[in-house]
PDB file of N, CA and C in Angstrom:
ATOM      1  N   MET A   1     143.269 -32.130 183.097  1.00  0.00           N
ATOM      2  CA  MET A   1     141.689 -33.212 182.851  1.00  0.00           C
ATOM      3  C   MET A   1     141.359 -33.525 181.757  1.00  0.00           C
ATOM      4  N   TRP A   2     141.687 -32.718 180.502  1.00  0.00           N
ATOM      5  CA  TRP A   2     141.491 -34.180 178.830  1.00  0.00           C
ATOM      6  C   TRP A   2     142.685 -34.677 179.741  1.00  0.00           C
ATOM      7  N   ARG A   3     143.717 -34.534 179.356  1.00  0.00           N
ATOM      8  CA  ARG A   3     143.853 -36.584 178.878  1.00  0.00           C
ATOM      9  C   ARG A   3     143.614 -37.247 180.440  1.00  0.00           C
ATOM     10  N   LEU A   4     143.153 -37.011 181.146  1.00  0.00           N
ATOM     11  CA  LEU A   4     142.325 -37.688 181.702  1.00  0.00           C
ATOM     12  C   LEU A   4     141.660 -37.978 180.873  1.00  0.00           C
ATOM     13  N   ARG A   5     140.711 -37.567 180.804  1.00  0.00           N
ATOM     14  CA  ARG A   5     138.924 -38.067 179.943  1.00  0.00           C
ATOM     15  C   ARG A   5     139.156 -38.360 178.807  1.00  0.00           C
ATOM     16  N   THR A   6     140.094 -38.010 178.160  1.00  0.00           N
ATOM     17  CA  THR A   6     141.026 -39.069 176.777  1.00  0.00           C
ATOM     18  C   THR A   6     141.585 -40.770 177.604  1.00  0.00           C
ATOM     19  N   ARG A   7     141.610 -40.641 178.586  1.00  0.00           N
ATOM     20  CA  ARG A   7     143.616 -41.556 179.242  1.00  0.00           C
ATOM     21  C   ARG A   7     141.321 -42.696 179.249  1.00  0.00           C
ATOM     22  N   ASN A   8     140.250 -42.264 180.433  1.00  0.00           N
ATOM     23  CA  ASN A   8     139.216 -42.956 180.525  1.00  0.00           C
ATOM     24  C   ASN A   8     138.627 -42.872 179.243  1.00  0.00           C
ATOM     25  N   VAL A   9     138.479 -42.801 177.998  1.00  0.00           N
ATOM     26  CA  VAL A   9     137.674 -43.134 176.466  1.00  0.00           C
ATOM     27  C   VAL A   9     138.733 -44.527 176.041  1.00  0.00           C
ATOM     28  N   LEU A  10     140.034 -44.235 175.712  1.00  0.00           N
ATOM     29  CA  LEU A  10     140.579 -45.262 175.525  1.00  0.00           C
ATOM     30  C   LEU A  10     140.759 -46.772 176.607  1.00  0.00           C
ATOM     31  N   ILE A  11     140.744 -46.677 178.235  1.00  0.00           N
ATOM     32  CA  ILE A  11     140.765 -47.613 178.093  1.00  0.00           C
ATOM     33  C   ILE A  11     138.700 -48.356 178.272  1.00  0.00           C
ATOM     34  N   ARG A  12     138.574 -47.450 178.147  1.00  0.00           N
ATOM     35  CA  ARG A  12     136.226 -47.832 177.667  1.00  0.00           C
ATOM     36  C   ARG A  12     136.686 -49.112 176.703  1.00  0.00           C
ATOM     37  N   LEU A  13     137.340 -48.278 175.025  1.00  0.00           N
ATOM     38  CA  LEU A  13     137.975 -48.708 173.774  1.00  0.00           C
ATOM     39  C   LEU A  13     138.588 -49.926 173.866  1.00  0.00           C
ATOM     40  N   GLY A  14     139.857 -49.663 175.312  1.00  0.00           N
ATOM     41  CA  GLY A  14     140.343 -51.163 175.494  1.00  0.00           C
ATOM     42  C   GLY A  14     139.526 -52.024 175.599  1.00  0.00           C
ATOM     43  N   SER A  15     138.180 -52.000 177.062  1.00  0.00           N
ATOM     44  CA  SER A  15     137.129 -53.438 177.044  1.00  0.00           C
ATOM     45  C   SER A  15     136.569 -53.475 175.808  1.00  0.00           C
ATOM     46  N   VAL A  16     135.955 -52.978 174.963  1.00  0.00           N
ATOM     47  CA  VAL A  16     135.527 -53.001 173.902  1.00  0.00           C
ATOM     48  C   VAL A  16     136.351 -54.541 173.338  1.00  0.00           C
ATOM     49  N   THR A  17     136.918 -53.717 172.872  1.00  0.00           N
ATOM     50  CA  THR A  17     138.032 -54.287 172.171  1.00  0.00           C
ATOM     51  C   THR A  17     137.847 -55.683 172.623  1.00  0.00           C
ATOM     52  N   ILE A  18     138.985 -55.706 173.779  1.00  0.00           N
ATOM     53  CA  ILE A  18     138.593 -57.600 174.409  1.00  0.00           C
ATOM     54  C   ILE A  18     137.596 -58.015 174.266  1.00  0.00           C
ATOM     55  N   ILE A  19     135.898 -57.337 174.359  1.00  0.00           N
ATOM     56  CA  ILE A  19     134.818 -58.113 174.271  1.00  0.00           C
ATOM     57  C   ILE A  19     134.500 -58.556 173.202  1.00  0.00           C
ATOM     58  N   GLN A  20     135.313 -57.499 172.196  1.00  0.00           N
ATOM     59  CA  GLN A  20     134.887 -58.051 170.554  1.00  0.00           C
ATOM     60  C   GLN A  20     135.969 -58.906 170.417  1.00  0.00           C
ATOM     61  N   ILE A  21     136.980 -59.453 170.802  1.00  0.00           N
ATOM     62  CA  ILE A  21     138.087 -59.924 169.813  1.00  0.00           C
ATOM     63  C   ILE A  21     137.102 -61.566 171.064  1.00  0.00           C
ATOM     64  N   SER A  22     137.109 -61.175 172.220  1.00  0.00           N
ATOM     65  CA  SER A  22     136.876 -62.573 173.039  1.00  0.00           C
ATOM     66  C   SER A  22     135.486 -63.119 172.176  1.00  0.00           C
ATOM     67  N   THR A  23     134.252 -62.461 171.713  1.00  0.00           N
ATOM     68  CA  THR A  23     133.138 -62.963 171.157  1.00  0.00           C
ATOM     69  C   THR A  23     133.765 -63.707 169.554  1.00  0.00           C
ATOM     70  N   LEU A  24     134.580 -63.274 169.239  1.00  0.00           N
ATOM     71  CA  LEU A  24     135.770 -63.367 167.766  1.00  0.00           C
ATOM     72  C   LEU A  24     135.968 -65.335 168.719  1.00  0.00           C
ATOM     73  N   VAL A  25     136.754 -64.916 169.666  1.00  0.00           N
ATOM     74  CA  VAL A  25     137.328 -66.040 170.121  1.00  0.00           C
ATOM     75  C   VAL A  25     135.874 -66.920 169.467  1.00  0.00           C
ATOM     76  N   VAL A  26     135.004 -66.499 170.321  1.00  0.00           N
ATOM     77  CA  VAL A  26     134.185 -67.952 171.311  1.00  0.00           C
ATOM     78  C   VAL A  26     133.358 -68.547 169.912  1.00  0.00           C
ATOM     79  N   THR A  27     133.479 -67.445 168.092  1.00  0.00           N
ATOM     80  CA  THR A  27     132.841 -68.290 166.964  1.00  0.00           C
ATOM     81  C   THR A  27     133.478 -68.627 166.339  1.00  0.00           C
ATOM     82  N   ASN A  28     134.662 -68.691 166.537  1.00  0.00           N
ATOM     83  CA  ASN A  28     135.442 -69.712 165.483  1.00  0.00           C
ATOM     84  C   ASN A  28     136.827 -70.189 166.246  1.00  0.00           C
ATOM     85  N   THR A  29     136.318 -70.640 167.603  1.00  0.00           N
ATOM     86  CA  THR A  29     136.978 -71.410 168.346  1.00  0.00           C
ATOM     87  C   THR A  29     135.577 -72.676 168.565  1.00  0.00           C
ATOM     88  N   SER A  30     136.769 -74.045 169.029  1.00  0.00           N
ATOM     89  CA  SER A  30     135.146 -74.908 169.950  1.00  0.00           C
ATOM     90  C   SER A  30     135.888 -74.673 171.508  1.00  0.00           C
ATOM     91  N   LEU A  31     134.988 -75.299 172.290  1.00  0.00           N
ATOM     92  CA  LEU A  31     134.759 -74.815 173.625  1.00  0.00           C
ATOM     93  C   LEU A  31     136.048 -74.848 174.304  1.00  0.00           C
ATOM     94  N   TYR A  32     136.536 -76.400 173.170  1.00  0.00           N
ATOM     95  CA  TYR A  32     138.342 -77.044 174.565  1.00  0.00           C
ATOM     96  C   TYR A  32     139.144 -76.110 174.159  1.00  0.00           C
ATOM     97  N   HIS A  33     139.008 -74.830 173.142  1.00  0.00           N
ATOM     98  CA  HIS A  33     139.917 -74.613 172.765  1.00  0.00           C
ATOM     99  C   HIS A  33     140.041 -72.665 173.345  1.00  0.00           C
ATOM    100  N   LEU A  34     138.307 -72.554 173.771  1.00  0.00           N
ATOM    101  CA  LEU A  34     137.604 -71.101 174.081  1.00  0.00           C
ATOM    102  C   LEU A  34     139.065 -70.930 175.759  1.00  0.00           C
ATOM    103  N   PRO A  35     139.045 -71.703 176.650  1.00  0.00           N
ATOM    104  CA  PRO A  35     140.145 -70.723 177.687  1.00  0.00           C
ATOM    105  C   PRO A  35     141.502 -70.343 177.645  1.00  0.00           C
ATOM    106  N   MET A  36     141.927 -71.466 176.665  1.00  0.00           N
ATOM    107  CA  MET A  36     143.344 -70.873 176.784  1.00  0.00           C
ATOM    108  C   MET A  36     143.361 -69.648 175.680  1.00  0.00           C
ATOM    109  N   SER A  37     142.114 -69.529 174.729  1.00  0.00           N
ATOM    110  CA  SER A  37     142.764 -68.868 173.883  1.00  0.00           C
ATOM    111  C   SER A  37     142.220 -67.514 174.348  1.00  0.00           C
ATOM    112  N   SER A  38     141.107 -66.939 174.954  1.00  0.00           N
ATOM    113  CA  SER A  38     141.185 -66.164 175.115  1.00  0.00           C
ATOM    114  C   SER A  38     141.664 -65.498 176.376  1.00  0.00           C
ATOM    115  N   VAL A  39     142.550 -66.509 177.827  1.00  0.00           N
ATOM    116  CA  VAL A  39     142.893 -66.106 178.070  1.00  0.00           C
ATOM    117  C   VAL A  39     144.562 -65.332 177.286  1.00  0.00           C
ATOM    118  N   GLU A  40     145.221 -65.845 176.533  1.00  0.00           N
ATOM    119  CA  GLU A  40     146.243 -65.131 175.730  1.00  0.00           C
ATOM    120  C   GLU A  40     145.789 -63.896 174.682  1.00  0.00           C
ATOM    121  N   VAL A  41     144.782 -64.045 174.298  1.00  0.00           N
ATOM    122  CA  VAL A  41     144.254 -62.878 173.881  1.00  0.00           C
ATOM    123  C   VAL A  41     144.175 -61.301 175.289  1.00  0.00           C
ATOM    124  N   TRP A  42     143.672 -62.086 176.442  1.00  0.00           N
ATOM    125  CA  TRP A  42     143.362 -60.732 176.827  1.00  0.00           C
ATOM    126  C   TRP A  42     144.896 -60.051 177.737  1.00  0.00           C
ATOM    127  N   GLY A  43     145.844 -61.348 178.131  1.00  0.00           N
ATOM    128  CA  GLY A  43     147.351 -61.325 178.373  1.00  0.00           C
ATOM    129  C   GLY A  43     147.574 -59.807 177.930  1.00  0.00           C
ATOM    130  N   SER A  44     147.881 -60.582 176.329  1.00  0.00           N
ATOM    131  CA  SER A  44     148.397 -60.018 174.961  1.00  0.00           C
ATOM    132  C   SER A  44     148.246 -58.748 175.122  1.00  0.00           C
ATOM    133  N   ILE A  45     146.443 -58.649 174.866  1.00  0.00           N
ATOM    134  CA  ILE A  45     146.928 -56.714 175.279  1.00  0.00           C
ATOM    135  C   ILE A  45     146.360 -56.326 176.571  1.00  0.00           C
ATOM    136  N   THR A  46     146.279 -56.624 177.788  1.00  0.00           N
ATOM    137  CA  THR A  46     147.101 -56.171 178.761  1.00  0.00           C
ATOM    138  C   THR A  46     148.296 -55.544 179.087  1.00  0.00           C
ATOM    139  N   LEU A  47     148.930 -56.210 178.113  1.00  0.00           N
ATOM    140  CA  LEU A  47     150.652 -55.984 177.723  1.00  0.00           C
ATOM    141  C   LEU A  47     150.728 -55.366 177.620  1.00  0.00           C
ATOM    142  N   GLN A  48     150.155 -54.619 176.246  1.00  0.00           N
ATOM    143  CA  GLN A  48     150.865 -54.388 175.725  1.00  0.00           C
ATOM    144  C   GLN A  48     149.783 -52.453 175.741  1.00  0.00           C
ATOM    145  N   GLN A  49     148.477 -52.843 176.254  1.00  0.00           N
ATOM    146  CA  GLN A  49     148.009 -51.414 177.101  1.00  0.00           C
ATOM    147  C   GLN A  49     148.426 -51.130 178.289  1.00  0.00           C
ATOM    148  N   CYS A  50     149.139 -51.818 179.119  1.00  0.00           N
ATOM    149  CA  CYS A  50     149.150 -50.609 180.523  1.00  0.00           C
ATOM    150  C   CYS A  50     151.250 -50.671 180.865  1.00  0.00           C
ATOM    151  N   PRO A  51     151.754 -50.900 179.989  1.00  0.00           N
ATOM    152  CA  PRO A  51     152.835 -49.755 180.445  1.00  0.00           C
ATOM    153  C   PRO A  51     153.202 -49.001 179.855  1.00  0.00           C
ATOM    154  N   SER A  52     152.250 -48.049 178.912  1.00  0.00           N
ATOM    155  CA  SER A  52     152.164 -47.079 178.488  1.00  0.00           C
ATOM    156  C   SER A  52     151.476 -46.081 178.919  1.00  0.00           C
ATOM    157  N   LEU A  53     150.157 -46.590 180.176  1.00  0.00           N
ATOM    158  CA  LEU A  53     149.304 -46.824 180.850  1.00  0.00           C
ATOM    159  C   LEU A  53     150.378 -45.432 181.984  1.00  0.00           C
ATOM    160  N   SER A  54     150.863 -47.134 182.883  1.00  0.00           N
ATOM    161  CA  SER A  54     151.376 -46.687 183.720  1.00  0.00           C
ATOM    162  C   SER A  54     152.839 -45.867 183.592  1.00  0.00           C
ATOM    163  N   LEU A  55     153.447 -45.378 181.810  1.00  0.00           N
ATOM    164  CA  LEU A  55     153.964 -44.342 182.037  1.00  0.00           C
ATOM    165  C   LEU A  55     153.411 -43.392 181.497  1.00  0.00           C
ATOM    166  N   GLU A  56     152.428 -43.010 181.293  1.00  0.00           N
ATOM    167  CA  GLU A  56     151.176 -41.560 181.722  1.00  0.00           C
ATOM    168  C   GLU A  56     150.936 -40.774 182.635  1.00  0.00           C
ATOM    169  N   ARG A  57     150.579 -41.661 183.571  1.00  0.00           N
ATOM    170  CA  ARG A  57     149.799 -41.954 184.594  1.00  0.00           C
ATOM    171  C   ARG A  57     151.266 -40.328 185.338  1.00  0.00           C
ATOM    172  N   TRP A  58     152.401 -41.869 185.261  1.00  0.00           N
ATOM    173  CA  TRP A  58     153.347 -40.651 185.960  1.00  0.00           C
ATOM    174  C   TRP A  58     154.078 -39.730 185.749  1.00  0.00           C
ATOM    175  N   ASP A  59     153.789 -39.202 184.092  1.00  0.00           N
ATOM    176  CA  ASP A  59     153.831 -38.199 183.977  1.00  0.00           C
ATOM    177  C   ASP A  59     153.279 -37.015 184.331  1.00  0.00           C
TER     178      ASP A  59
END
């Protein structure tokens, strides 16, 4: 149970991090670069987090 709760907290923190980075992208880039940059940042974070989460679930 403790691991499940910890995992939920990590997922929430990851979501907040994505929101913060997206906000930085909005403020630091032009509207023309916004869509591609936000997708790249979101994709890179998702690829880094998903494999570790899936391995923990099977354990």
